[in-house]
Amino acid sequence: MSTSTRFLRLLSLLQTHRYWSGDELAQRLDVSLRTVRRDIDRLRDLGYPVQADRGVGGGYQLASGAALPPLVLDDEEAVALVAALQSTVHGGSSALADAALRALGKVIPVLPSRLRQRAQALAASTVPLDSRNSVPEPVDPQVLVVLAQGCRDRERVAFDYRDAKGSASSRRVEPAKLVNVGDRYYLVAYDLDRADWRSFRVDRAECAEPRALRFIPREIPGGDAAQFVRQGLRGAGVQPISARVHASAEVLAPRIGRWFEIQPTDENCCIVRTENSNLSWAAFGLALSEAKVSDVKPEELRKLLTSWSSNLASGSEE
């Protein structure tokens, strides 16, 4: 366990506000009691009110009701935290989305100035694309930060990119917006070498670097970054998928809300939508609803579901 990881783990344990003996903390952190004492002193230097009892049976406890100083987060943790909250804000549950939005409003102001700027860049530069309850696919946090800051600061960025066929290239772009769709982030940017607009999967980008060259923003084709990405996905074989599922939104949300947009039509029925090139994946998602499904589009998906249903039924009769 690295020093920073151990330090944050110690802070996490103390923030439960229970009483910890020195031996318990040493065992949890897999370090010596001397190291625990040193880390406690570091916390106090940062302003955390850690109370201590000396002698046999002595231990440590974080004072209740004390105002805590800025969060201790490294760059990657700040990006991960804001990205997770951002995805929840885009989720289907209004109560959870509101709570995540309130949390963002509290977390960003208490971050140290350097991390606050990076976290704000990500939050300010991201828009959703019909991706309810989704968690972005893992990407290099440093790449995500550089792209987000480029969008916010109108600063050119260069990065290495590998396309769907595995071909590598170097790109110089004027970044406009980050779009969260499903489990991925896409960058909408003007490609300077190709003199045209492009969308890039962020998980395929590497070695992103700001070029310290400001630019005057260009208008995204159609004026909508999310729509621009949607059109690009359709051109890559991704197609719209929809179905009527005979169950309430409350029932469907925990079952398939991560993959489908859920639109209630009445108390016991919903229209669900998504976009994907893998019909088997969509069929599996609909099966997880554990409800009657009708009005399935496209036709190929309806036939696939019928085939699955027939095969499963015949198998149960043997």
C-alpha atoms as a PDB file:
ATOM      1  CA  MET A   1       0.000   0.000   0.000  1.00  0.00           C
ATOM      2  CA  SER A   2       1.476   3.355  -1.031  1.00  0.00           C
ATOM      3  CA  THR A   3       1.891   6.170   1.495  1.00  0.00           C
ATOM      4  CA  SER A   4      -0.921   8.258  -0.037  1.00  0.00           C
ATOM      5  CA  THR A   5      -3.271   5.263  -0.192  1.00  0.00           C
ATOM      6  CA  ARG A   6      -2.517   4.376   3.432  1.00  0.00           C
ATOM      7  CA  PHE A   7      -3.028   7.961   4.510  1.00  0.00           C
ATOM      8  CA  LEU A   8      -6.446   8.162   2.852  1.00  0.00           C
ATOM      9  CA  ARG A   9      -7.384   4.757   4.281  1.00  0.00           C
ATOM     10  CA  LEU A  10      -6.532   6.013   7.777  1.00  0.00           C
ATOM     11  CA  LEU A  11      -8.653   9.116   7.237  1.00  0.00           C
ATOM     12  CA  SER A  12     -11.533   6.941   6.010  1.00  0.00           C
ATOM     13  CA  LEU A  13     -11.371   4.785   9.152  1.00  0.00           C
ATOM     14  CA  LEU A  14     -11.313   7.799  11.465  1.00  0.00           C
ATOM     15  CA  GLN A  15     -14.243   9.435   9.680  1.00  0.00           C
ATOM     16  CA  THR A  16     -16.506   6.642  10.938  1.00  0.00           C
ATOM     17  CA  HIS A  17     -16.095   8.513  14.280  1.00  0.00           C
ATOM     18  CA  ARG A  18     -15.638   5.253  16.194  1.00  0.00           C
ATOM     19  CA  TYR A  19     -12.811   4.835  18.683  1.00  0.00           C
ATOM     20  CA  TRP A  20      -9.752   3.036  17.279  1.00  0.00           C
ATOM     21  CA  SER A  21      -6.887   1.685  19.331  1.00  0.00           C
ATOM     22  CA  GLY A  22      -3.438   2.182  17.921  1.00  0.00           C
ATOM     23  CA  ASP A  23      -3.015  -1.586  17.501  1.00  0.00           C
ATOM     24  CA  GLU A  24      -6.289  -1.838  15.547  1.00  0.00           C
ATOM     25  CA  LEU A  25      -5.238   0.893  13.149  1.00  0.00           C
ATOM     26  CA  ALA A  26      -1.791  -0.647  12.716  1.00  0.00           C
ATOM     27  CA  GLN A  27      -3.390  -4.007  11.901  1.00  0.00           C
ATOM     28  CA  ARG A  28      -5.904  -2.506   9.452  1.00  0.00           C
ATOM     29  CA  LEU A  29      -3.195  -0.560   7.642  1.00  0.00           C
ATOM     30  CA  ASP A  30      -0.558  -3.304   7.915  1.00  0.00           C
ATOM     31  CA  VAL A  31       2.037  -0.932   9.357  1.00  0.00           C
ATOM     32  CA  SER A  32       3.819  -0.385  12.665  1.00  0.00           C
ATOM     33  CA  LEU A  33       2.327   1.557  15.550  1.00  0.00           C
ATOM     34  CA  ARG A  34       5.069   4.141  15.040  1.00  0.00           C
ATOM     35  CA  THR A  35       3.879   4.711  11.454  1.00  0.00           C
ATOM     36  CA  VAL A  36       0.307   5.135  12.698  1.00  0.00           C
ATOM     37  CA  ARG A  37       1.446   7.834  15.145  1.00  0.00           C
ATOM     38  CA  ARG A  38       3.352   9.613  12.374  1.00  0.00           C
ATOM     39  CA  ASP A  39       0.307   9.561  10.066  1.00  0.00           C
ATOM     40  CA  ILE A  40      -1.911  10.865  12.884  1.00  0.00           C
ATOM     41  CA  ASP A  41       0.500  13.782  13.311  1.00  0.00           C
ATOM     42  CA  ARG A  42       0.246  14.495   9.581  1.00  0.00           C
ATOM     43  CA  LEU A  43      -3.539  14.608   9.841  1.00  0.00           C
ATOM     44  CA  ARG A  44      -3.318  17.088  12.697  1.00  0.00           C
ATOM     45  CA  ASP A  45      -0.918  19.236  10.689  1.00  0.00           C
ATOM     46  CA  LEU A  46      -3.580  19.392   7.979  1.00  0.00           C
ATOM     47  CA  GLY A  47      -6.159  20.518  10.529  1.00  0.00           C
ATOM     48  CA  TYR A  48      -8.047  17.303  11.232  1.00  0.00           C
ATOM     49  CA  PRO A  49      -9.053  17.256  14.944  1.00  0.00           C
ATOM     50  CA  VAL A  50      -7.854  13.799  15.960  1.00  0.00           C
ATOM     51  CA  GLN A  51      -8.225  13.128  19.679  1.00  0.00           C
ATOM     52  CA  ALA A  52      -5.818  10.701  21.337  1.00  0.00           C
ATOM     53  CA  ASP A  53      -5.658   8.855  24.660  1.00  0.00           C
ATOM     54  CA  ARG A  54      -2.160   7.906  25.787  1.00  0.00           C
ATOM     55  CA  GLY A  55      -1.062   4.905  27.773  1.00  0.00           C
ATOM     56  CA  VAL A  56      -2.338   1.323  27.939  1.00  0.00           C
ATOM     57  CA  GLY A  57      -5.543   0.964  25.922  1.00  0.00           C
ATOM     58  CA  GLY A  58      -5.018   4.359  24.348  1.00  0.00           C
ATOM     59  CA  GLY A  59      -6.311   5.146  20.900  1.00  0.00           C
ATOM     60  CA  TYR A  60      -7.611   7.697  18.450  1.00  0.00           C
ATOM     61  CA  GLN A  61     -10.900   9.246  17.431  1.00  0.00           C
ATOM     62  CA  LEU A  62     -11.933  12.058  15.088  1.00  0.00           C
ATOM     63  CA  ALA A  63     -13.762  14.767  16.998  1.00  0.00           C
ATOM     64  CA  SER A  64     -17.501  14.804  16.275  1.00  0.00           C
ATOM     65  CA  GLY A  65     -19.085  17.823  14.635  1.00  0.00           C
ATOM     66  CA  ALA A  66     -15.783  19.391  13.682  1.00  0.00           C
ATOM     67  CA  ALA A  67     -15.489  21.282  10.423  1.00  0.00           C
ATOM     68  CA  LEU A  68     -13.057  19.395   8.211  1.00  0.00           C
ATOM     69  CA  PRO A  69     -10.480  21.088   5.945  1.00  0.00           C
ATOM     70  CA  PRO A  70     -10.271  20.453   2.177  1.00  0.00           C
ATOM     71  CA  LEU A  71     -10.475  16.858   1.015  1.00  0.00           C
ATOM     72  CA  VAL A  72      -7.166  15.048   0.594  1.00  0.00           C
ATOM     73  CA  LEU A  73      -7.423  13.714  -2.958  1.00  0.00           C
ATOM     74  CA  ASP A  74      -4.787  13.126  -5.583  1.00  0.00           C
ATOM     75  CA  ASP A  75      -5.424  14.037  -9.227  1.00  0.00           C
ATOM     76  CA  GLU A  76      -6.801  10.646 -10.262  1.00  0.00           C
ATOM     77  CA  GLU A  77      -9.100  10.408  -7.231  1.00  0.00           C
ATOM     78  CA  ALA A  78     -10.529  13.877  -7.864  1.00  0.00           C
ATOM     79  CA  VAL A  79     -11.285  12.991 -11.481  1.00  0.00           C
ATOM     80  CA  ALA A  80     -12.783   9.619 -10.528  1.00  0.00           C
ATOM     81  CA  LEU A  81     -14.982  11.178  -7.842  1.00  0.00           C
ATOM     82  CA  VAL A  82     -16.360  13.888 -10.093  1.00  0.00           C
ATOM     83  CA  ALA A  83     -16.839  11.456 -12.999  1.00  0.00           C
ATOM     84  CA  ALA A  84     -18.859   9.094 -10.789  1.00  0.00           C
ATOM     85  CA  LEU A  85     -21.033  11.897  -9.443  1.00  0.00           C
ATOM     86  CA  GLN A  86     -21.458  13.296 -12.948  1.00  0.00           C
ATOM     87  CA  SER A  87     -22.732   9.918 -14.188  1.00  0.00           C
ATOM     88  CA  THR A  88     -25.211   9.742 -11.313  1.00  0.00           C
ATOM     89  CA  VAL A  89     -26.477  13.234 -12.129  1.00  0.00           C
ATOM     90  CA  HIS A  90     -27.224  11.876 -15.617  1.00  0.00           C
ATOM     91  CA  GLY A  91     -29.020   8.856 -14.112  1.00  0.00           C
ATOM     92  CA  GLY A  92     -32.700   7.959 -14.261  1.00  0.00           C
ATOM     93  CA  SER A  93     -33.528   8.289 -10.550  1.00  0.00           C
ATOM     94  CA  SER A  94     -34.431  11.920  -9.900  1.00  0.00           C
ATOM     95  CA  ALA A  95     -33.842  11.643  -6.140  1.00  0.00           C
ATOM     96  CA  LEU A  96     -30.384  10.106  -6.592  1.00  0.00           C
ATOM     97  CA  ALA A  97     -29.526  12.563  -9.362  1.00  0.00           C
ATOM     98  CA  ASP A  98     -30.485  15.496  -7.145  1.00  0.00           C
ATOM     99  CA  ALA A  99     -28.369  14.104  -4.307  1.00  0.00           C
ATOM    100  CA  ALA A 100     -25.398  13.658  -6.657  1.00  0.00           C
ATOM    101  CA  LEU A 101     -25.808  17.216  -7.907  1.00  0.00           C
ATOM    102  CA  ARG A 102     -25.819  18.511  -4.325  1.00  0.00           C
ATOM    103  CA  ALA A 103     -22.738  16.401  -3.599  1.00  0.00           C
ATOM    104  CA  LEU A 104     -20.941  17.883  -6.615  1.00  0.00           C
ATOM    105  CA  GLY A 105     -21.779  21.331  -5.317  1.00  0.00           C
ATOM    106  CA  LYS A 106     -20.191  20.451  -1.979  1.00  0.00           C
ATOM    107  CA  VAL A 107     -17.209  18.423  -3.174  1.00  0.00           C
ATOM    108  CA  ILE A 108     -15.848  20.810  -5.810  1.00  0.00           C
ATOM    109  CA  PRO A 109     -15.655  23.899  -3.535  1.00  0.00           C
ATOM    110  CA  VAL A 110     -13.702  22.030  -0.811  1.00  0.00           C
ATOM    111  CA  LEU A 111     -11.121  20.545  -3.153  1.00  0.00           C
ATOM    112  CA  PRO A 112      -7.689  22.201  -3.055  1.00  0.00           C
ATOM    113  CA  SER A 113      -7.447  24.911  -5.708  1.00  0.00           C
ATOM    114  CA  ARG A 114      -5.333  22.886  -8.162  1.00  0.00           C
ATOM    115  CA  LEU A 115      -7.629  19.853  -8.049  1.00  0.00           C
ATOM    116  CA  ARG A 116     -10.748  22.017  -8.018  1.00  0.00           C
ATOM    117  CA  GLN A 117      -9.872  23.485 -11.405  1.00  0.00           C
ATOM    118  CA  ARG A 118      -9.362  20.049 -12.908  1.00  0.00           C
ATOM    119  CA  ALA A 119     -12.579  18.659 -11.433  1.00  0.00           C
ATOM    120  CA  GLN A 120     -14.558  21.707 -12.552  1.00  0.00           C
ATOM    121  CA  ALA A 121     -13.180  21.302 -16.076  1.00  0.00           C
ATOM    122  CA  LEU A 122     -14.564  17.773 -16.288  1.00  0.00           C
ATOM    123  CA  ALA A 123     -17.969  18.714 -14.891  1.00  0.00           C
ATOM    124  CA  ALA A 124     -18.309  21.831 -17.037  1.00  0.00           C
ATOM    125  CA  SER A 125     -17.230  20.157 -20.276  1.00  0.00           C
ATOM    126  CA  THR A 126     -19.456  17.046 -20.189  1.00  0.00           C
ATOM    127  CA  VAL A 127     -22.979  16.593 -21.551  1.00  0.00           C
ATOM    128  CA  PRO A 128     -25.122  13.402 -21.419  1.00  0.00           C
ATOM    129  CA  LEU A 129     -26.430  11.374 -24.369  1.00  0.00           C
ATOM    130  CA  ASP A 130     -29.392   9.242 -23.272  1.00  0.00           C
ATOM    131  CA  SER A 131     -27.169   7.361 -20.803  1.00  0.00           C
ATOM    132  CA  ARG A 132     -29.224   6.782 -17.706  1.00  0.00           C
ATOM    133  CA  ASN A 133     -27.511   5.312 -14.645  1.00  0.00           C
ATOM    134  CA  SER A 134     -24.334   4.627 -16.624  1.00  0.00           C
ATOM    135  CA  VAL A 135     -20.791   4.485 -15.324  1.00  0.00           C
ATOM    136  CA  PRO A 136     -18.142   5.644 -17.809  1.00  0.00           C
ATOM    137  CA  GLU A 137     -15.714   3.006 -19.056  1.00  0.00           C
ATOM    138  CA  PRO A 138     -12.299   3.335 -17.391  1.00  0.00           C
ATOM    139  CA  VAL A 139     -10.027   5.844 -19.117  1.00  0.00           C
ATOM    140  CA  ASP A 140      -6.671   7.389 -18.298  1.00  0.00           C
ATOM    141  CA  PRO A 141      -7.593  10.127 -15.777  1.00  0.00           C
ATOM    142  CA  GLN A 142      -4.786  12.349 -17.002  1.00  0.00           C
ATOM    143  CA  VAL A 143      -6.089  12.147 -20.585  1.00  0.00           C
ATOM    144  CA  LEU A 144      -9.605  12.945 -19.397  1.00  0.00           C
ATOM    145  CA  VAL A 145      -8.386  15.948 -17.407  1.00  0.00           C
ATOM    146  CA  VAL A 146      -6.331  17.370 -20.299  1.00  0.00           C
ATOM    147  CA  LEU A 147      -9.260  17.029 -22.719  1.00  0.00           C
ATOM    148  CA  ALA A 148     -11.721  18.536 -20.245  1.00  0.00           C
ATOM    149  CA  GLN A 149      -9.438  21.478 -19.549  1.00  0.00           C
ATOM    150  CA  GLY A 150      -8.964  21.981 -23.275  1.00  0.00           C
ATOM    151  CA  CYS A 151     -12.741  22.180 -23.711  1.00  0.00           C
ATOM    152  CA  ARG A 152     -13.070  24.634 -20.851  1.00  0.00           C
ATOM    153  CA  ASP A 153     -10.062  26.814 -21.604  1.00  0.00           C
ATOM    154  CA  ARG A 154     -10.390  26.716 -25.430  1.00  0.00           C
ATOM    155  CA  GLU A 155      -6.852  25.392 -25.693  1.00  0.00           C
ATOM    156  CA  ARG A 156      -5.545  23.103 -28.416  1.00  0.00           C
ATOM    157  CA  VAL A 157      -4.624  19.531 -27.429  1.00  0.00           C
ATOM    158  CA  ALA A 158      -2.465  16.843 -29.048  1.00  0.00           C
ATOM    159  CA  PHE A 159      -2.811  13.116 -28.352  1.00  0.00           C
ATOM    160  CA  ASP A 160      -2.089   9.677 -29.785  1.00  0.00           C
ATOM    161  CA  TYR A 161      -5.164   7.792 -30.991  1.00  0.00           C
ATOM    162  CA  ARG A 162      -5.975   4.218 -32.025  1.00  0.00           C
ATOM    163  CA  ASP A 163      -9.147   3.740 -34.064  1.00  0.00           C
ATOM    164  CA  ALA A 164     -11.560   0.777 -34.150  1.00  0.00           C
ATOM    165  CA  LYS A 165      -9.317  -1.044 -36.643  1.00  0.00           C
ATOM    166  CA  GLY A 166      -6.271  -0.590 -34.429  1.00  0.00           C
ATOM    167  CA  SER A 167      -4.602   1.990 -36.673  1.00  0.00           C
ATOM    168  CA  ALA A 168      -2.494   4.493 -34.702  1.00  0.00           C
ATOM    169  CA  SER A 169      -2.232   8.201 -35.458  1.00  0.00           C
ATOM    170  CA  SER A 170      -1.332  11.498 -33.823  1.00  0.00           C
ATOM    171  CA  ARG A 171      -4.062  14.134 -33.568  1.00  0.00           C
ATOM    172  CA  ARG A 172      -4.032  17.899 -33.050  1.00  0.00           C
ATOM    173  CA  VAL A 173      -7.480  19.172 -32.164  1.00  0.00           C
ATOM    174  CA  GLU A 174      -9.537  22.056 -30.886  1.00  0.00           C
ATOM    175  CA  PRO A 175     -11.641  20.284 -28.231  1.00  0.00           C
ATOM    176  CA  ALA A 176     -15.273  21.383 -27.880  1.00  0.00           C
ATOM    177  CA  LYS A 177     -17.196  18.990 -25.615  1.00  0.00           C
ATOM    178  CA  LEU A 178     -16.997  15.657 -23.815  1.00  0.00           C
ATOM    179  CA  VAL A 179     -20.070  13.455 -24.285  1.00  0.00           C
ATOM    180  CA  ASN A 180     -20.918  10.604 -21.902  1.00  0.00           C
ATOM    181  CA  VAL A 181     -22.763   7.843 -23.801  1.00  0.00           C
ATOM    182  CA  GLY A 182     -23.381   4.462 -22.225  1.00  0.00           C
ATOM    183  CA  ASP A 183     -20.155   3.344 -20.567  1.00  0.00           C
ATOM    184  CA  ARG A 184     -17.843   5.575 -22.600  1.00  0.00           C
ATOM    185  CA  TYR A 185     -16.682   9.168 -22.987  1.00  0.00           C
ATOM    186  CA  TYR A 186     -16.411  10.726 -26.451  1.00  0.00           C
ATOM    187  CA  LEU A 187     -14.569  13.923 -27.330  1.00  0.00           C
ATOM    188  CA  VAL A 188     -16.123  16.183 -29.956  1.00  0.00           C
ATOM    189  CA  ALA A 189     -13.349  18.252 -31.500  1.00  0.00           C
ATOM    190  CA  TYR A 190     -12.206  20.000 -34.658  1.00  0.00           C
ATOM    191  CA  ASP A 191      -9.332  17.968 -36.160  1.00  0.00           C
ATOM    192  CA  LEU A 192      -6.764  20.503 -37.383  1.00  0.00           C
ATOM    193  CA  ASP A 193      -4.875  18.110 -39.673  1.00  0.00           C
ATOM    194  CA  ARG A 194      -8.060  16.852 -41.362  1.00  0.00           C
ATOM    195  CA  ALA A 195      -9.806  20.236 -41.321  1.00  0.00           C
ATOM    196  CA  ASP A 196     -13.045  18.650 -40.150  1.00  0.00           C
ATOM    197  CA  TRP A 197     -15.060  17.771 -37.061  1.00  0.00           C
ATOM    198  CA  ARG A 198     -14.497  14.374 -35.433  1.00  0.00           C
ATOM    199  CA  SER A 199     -15.608  12.411 -32.365  1.00  0.00           C
ATOM    200  CA  PHE A 200     -13.000  10.353 -30.492  1.00  0.00           C
ATOM    201  CA  ARG A 201     -13.446   7.586 -27.926  1.00  0.00           C
ATOM    202  CA  VAL A 202     -11.485   8.845 -24.944  1.00  0.00           C
ATOM    203  CA  ASP A 203     -10.443   5.344 -23.844  1.00  0.00           C
ATOM    204  CA  ARG A 204      -8.555   5.033 -27.155  1.00  0.00           C
ATOM    205  CA  ALA A 205      -6.565   8.244 -26.585  1.00  0.00           C
ATOM    206  CA  GLU A 206      -3.118   8.335 -25.000  1.00  0.00           C
ATOM    207  CA  CYS A 207      -0.411  10.846 -24.117  1.00  0.00           C
ATOM    208  CA  ALA A 208      -2.717  13.874 -24.248  1.00  0.00           C
ATOM    209  CA  GLU A 209      -0.868  17.185 -23.900  1.00  0.00           C
ATOM    210  CA  PRO A 210      -2.074  20.799 -23.951  1.00  0.00           C
ATOM    211  CA  ARG A 211      -0.429  22.923 -26.637  1.00  0.00           C
ATOM    212  CA  ALA A 212      -0.786  26.286 -24.848  1.00  0.00           C
ATOM    213  CA  LEU A 213      -2.438  27.703 -27.974  1.00  0.00           C
ATOM    214  CA  ARG A 214      -5.838  29.311 -27.494  1.00  0.00           C
ATOM    215  CA  PHE A 215      -8.462  29.220 -30.236  1.00  0.00           C
ATOM    216  CA  ILE A 216     -11.728  30.900 -31.141  1.00  0.00           C
ATOM    217  CA  PRO A 217     -14.514  28.277 -30.721  1.00  0.00           C
ATOM    218  CA  ARG A 218     -16.070  26.948 -33.910  1.00  0.00           C
ATOM    219  CA  GLU A 219     -19.724  25.957 -34.102  1.00  0.00           C
ATOM    220  CA  ILE A 220     -20.313  22.209 -33.751  1.00  0.00           C
ATOM    221  CA  PRO A 221     -22.214  20.861 -36.784  1.00  0.00           C
ATOM    222  CA  GLY A 222     -25.892  21.045 -35.883  1.00  0.00           C
ATOM    223  CA  GLY A 223     -24.990  22.965 -32.734  1.00  0.00           C
ATOM    224  CA  ASP A 224     -25.382  19.851 -30.540  1.00  0.00           C
ATOM    225  CA  ALA A 225     -22.386  17.765 -29.389  1.00  0.00           C
ATOM    226  CA  ALA A 226     -24.547  14.843 -28.227  1.00  0.00           C
ATOM    227  CA  GLN A 227     -26.377  14.684 -31.562  1.00  0.00           C
ATOM    228  CA  PHE A 228     -23.058  14.823 -33.420  1.00  0.00           C
ATOM    229  CA  VAL A 229     -21.842  11.758 -31.512  1.00  0.00           C
ATOM    230  CA  ARG A 230     -25.173  10.001 -32.048  1.00  0.00           C
ATOM    231  CA  GLN A 231     -24.909  10.423 -35.815  1.00  0.00           C
ATOM    232  CA  GLY A 232     -21.349   9.134 -35.765  1.00  0.00           C
ATOM    233  CA  LEU A 233     -22.354   6.027 -33.841  1.00  0.00           C
ATOM    234  CA  ARG A 234     -25.153   5.284 -36.287  1.00  0.00           C
ATOM    235  CA  GLY A 235     -22.701   5.574 -39.129  1.00  0.00           C
ATOM    236  CA  ALA A 236     -20.541   2.969 -37.355  1.00  0.00           C
ATOM    237  CA  GLY A 237     -23.361   0.406 -37.312  1.00  0.00           C
ATOM    238  CA  VAL A 238     -24.997   1.484 -34.054  1.00  0.00           C
ATOM    239  CA  GLN A 239     -28.771   1.542 -34.383  1.00  0.00           C
ATOM    240  CA  PRO A 240     -31.652   2.758 -32.214  1.00  0.00           C
ATOM    241  CA  ILE A 241     -33.426   0.113 -30.146  1.00  0.00           C
ATOM    242  CA  SER A 242     -36.802   0.422 -28.443  1.00  0.00           C
ATOM    243  CA  ALA A 243     -39.432  -1.790 -26.838  1.00  0.00           C
ATOM    244  CA  ARG A 244     -42.531  -1.635 -24.696  1.00  0.00           C
ATOM    245  CA  VAL A 245     -41.941  -3.347 -21.346  1.00  0.00           C
ATOM    246  CA  HIS A 246     -44.983  -4.158 -19.246  1.00  0.00           C
ATOM    247  CA  ALA A 247     -43.688  -3.146 -15.830  1.00  0.00           C
ATOM    248  CA  SER A 248     -43.459   0.060 -13.827  1.00  0.00           C
ATOM    249  CA  ALA A 249     -40.501   2.426 -14.023  1.00  0.00           C
ATOM    250  CA  GLU A 250     -39.794   1.749 -10.336  1.00  0.00           C
ATOM    251  CA  VAL A 251     -39.426  -1.974 -11.069  1.00  0.00           C
ATOM    252  CA  LEU A 252     -37.363  -1.518 -14.225  1.00  0.00           C
ATOM    253  CA  ALA A 253     -34.915   1.115 -12.985  1.00  0.00           C
ATOM    254  CA  PRO A 254     -32.807  -1.206 -10.774  1.00  0.00           C
ATOM    255  CA  ARG A 255     -32.998  -4.019 -13.336  1.00  0.00           C
ATOM    256  CA  ILE A 256     -32.169  -2.350 -16.653  1.00  0.00           C
ATOM    257  CA  GLY A 257     -31.891   1.376 -15.908  1.00  0.00           C
ATOM    258  CA  ARG A 258     -28.139   1.263 -16.349  1.00  0.00           C
ATOM    259  CA  TRP A 259     -28.471   0.312 -20.027  1.00  0.00           C
ATOM    260  CA  PHE A 260     -31.845   1.681 -21.160  1.00  0.00           C
ATOM    261  CA  GLU A 261     -33.582   5.031 -21.043  1.00  0.00           C
ATOM    262  CA  ILE A 262     -36.924   4.374 -19.327  1.00  0.00           C
ATOM    263  CA  GLN A 263     -39.995   6.429 -20.249  1.00  0.00           C
ATOM    264  CA  PRO A 264     -43.180   5.536 -18.310  1.00  0.00           C
ATOM    265  CA  THR A 265     -46.422   5.464 -20.324  1.00  0.00           C
ATOM    266  CA  ASP A 266     -48.587   4.533 -17.330  1.00  0.00           C
ATOM    267  CA  GLU A 267     -48.192   2.941 -13.900  1.00  0.00           C
ATOM    268  CA  ASN A 268     -47.570  -0.531 -15.323  1.00  0.00           C
ATOM    269  CA  CYS A 269     -45.866   0.065 -18.668  1.00  0.00           C
ATOM    270  CA  CYS A 270     -42.785   1.820 -20.054  1.00  0.00           C
ATOM    271  CA  ILE A 271     -41.052   2.477 -23.353  1.00  0.00           C
ATOM    272  CA  VAL A 272     -37.334   1.696 -23.107  1.00  0.00           C
ATOM    273  CA  ARG A 273     -34.710   2.941 -25.550  1.00  0.00           C
ATOM    274  CA  THR A 274     -31.013   2.572 -26.179  1.00  0.00           C
ATOM    275  CA  GLU A 275     -28.518   2.524 -29.056  1.00  0.00           C
ATOM    276  CA  ASN A 276     -26.167  -0.353 -29.760  1.00  0.00           C
ATOM    277  CA  SER A 277     -24.653  -2.390 -32.582  1.00  0.00           C
ATOM    278  CA  ASN A 278     -24.909  -5.659 -30.633  1.00  0.00           C
ATOM    279  CA  LEU A 279     -28.488  -6.967 -30.755  1.00  0.00           C
ATOM    280  CA  SER A 280     -27.625  -9.924 -28.499  1.00  0.00           C
ATOM    281  CA  TRP A 281     -26.576  -7.457 -25.815  1.00  0.00           C
ATOM    282  CA  ALA A 282     -29.888  -5.577 -26.200  1.00  0.00           C
ATOM    283  CA  ALA A 283     -31.859  -8.836 -26.049  1.00  0.00           C
ATOM    284  CA  PHE A 284     -30.070  -9.828 -22.864  1.00  0.00           C
ATOM    285  CA  GLY A 285     -30.845  -6.435 -21.348  1.00  0.00           C
ATOM    286  CA  LEU A 286     -34.546  -6.798 -22.141  1.00  0.00           C
ATOM    287  CA  ALA A 287     -34.558 -10.321 -20.665  1.00  0.00           C
ATOM    288  CA  LEU A 288     -33.266  -8.880 -17.396  1.00  0.00           C
ATOM    289  CA  SER A 289     -36.477  -6.860 -17.122  1.00  0.00           C
ATOM    290  CA  GLU A 290     -38.274 -10.109 -16.150  1.00  0.00           C
ATOM    291  CA  ALA A 291     -41.425  -8.683 -17.735  1.00  0.00           C
ATOM    292  CA  LYS A 292     -43.511  -9.062 -20.888  1.00  0.00           C
ATOM    293  CA  VAL A 293     -41.961  -7.260 -23.864  1.00  0.00           C
ATOM    294  CA  SER A 294     -43.760  -6.038 -27.006  1.00  0.00           C
ATOM    295  CA  ASP A 295     -43.413  -3.544 -29.878  1.00  0.00           C
ATOM    296  CA  VAL A 296     -39.721  -4.424 -30.214  1.00  0.00           C
ATOM    297  CA  LYS A 297     -37.660  -2.505 -32.780  1.00  0.00           C
ATOM    298  CA  PRO A 298     -35.748  -3.189 -34.948  1.00  0.00           C
ATOM    299  CA  GLU A 299     -37.310  -6.289 -36.487  1.00  0.00           C
ATOM    300  CA  GLU A 300     -34.035  -8.219 -36.214  1.00  0.00           C
ATOM    301  CA  LEU A 301     -34.105  -7.807 -32.445  1.00  0.00           C
ATOM    302  CA  ARG A 302     -37.720  -9.026 -32.251  1.00  0.00           C
ATOM    303  CA  LYS A 303     -36.783 -12.161 -34.220  1.00  0.00           C
ATOM    304  CA  LEU A 304     -33.782 -12.755 -31.975  1.00  0.00           C
ATOM    305  CA  LEU A 305     -35.951 -12.542 -28.839  1.00  0.00           C
ATOM    306  CA  THR A 306     -38.494 -14.940 -30.398  1.00  0.00           C
ATOM    307  CA  SER A 307     -35.705 -17.379 -31.197  1.00  0.00           C
ATOM    308  CA  TRP A 308     -34.317 -17.197 -27.664  1.00  0.00           C
ATOM    309  CA  SER A 309     -37.759 -17.690 -26.167  1.00  0.00           C
ATOM    310  CA  SER A 310     -38.457 -20.705 -28.388  1.00  0.00           C
ATOM    311  CA  ASN A 311     -35.111 -22.342 -27.647  1.00  0.00           C
ATOM    312  CA  LEU A 312     -35.440 -21.821 -23.917  1.00  0.00           C
ATOM    313  CA  ALA A 313     -39.006 -23.148 -23.871  1.00  0.00           C
ATOM    314  CA  SER A 314     -38.078 -26.301 -25.819  1.00  0.00           C
ATOM    315  CA  GLY A 315     -35.144 -26.892 -23.520  1.00  0.00           C
ATOM    316  CA  SER A 316     -37.353 -26.802 -20.414  1.00  0.00           C
ATOM    317  CA  GLU A 317     -39.583 -29.602 -21.798  1.00  0.00           C
ATOM    318  CA  GLU A 318     -36.801 -32.195 -22.045  1.00  0.00           C
END
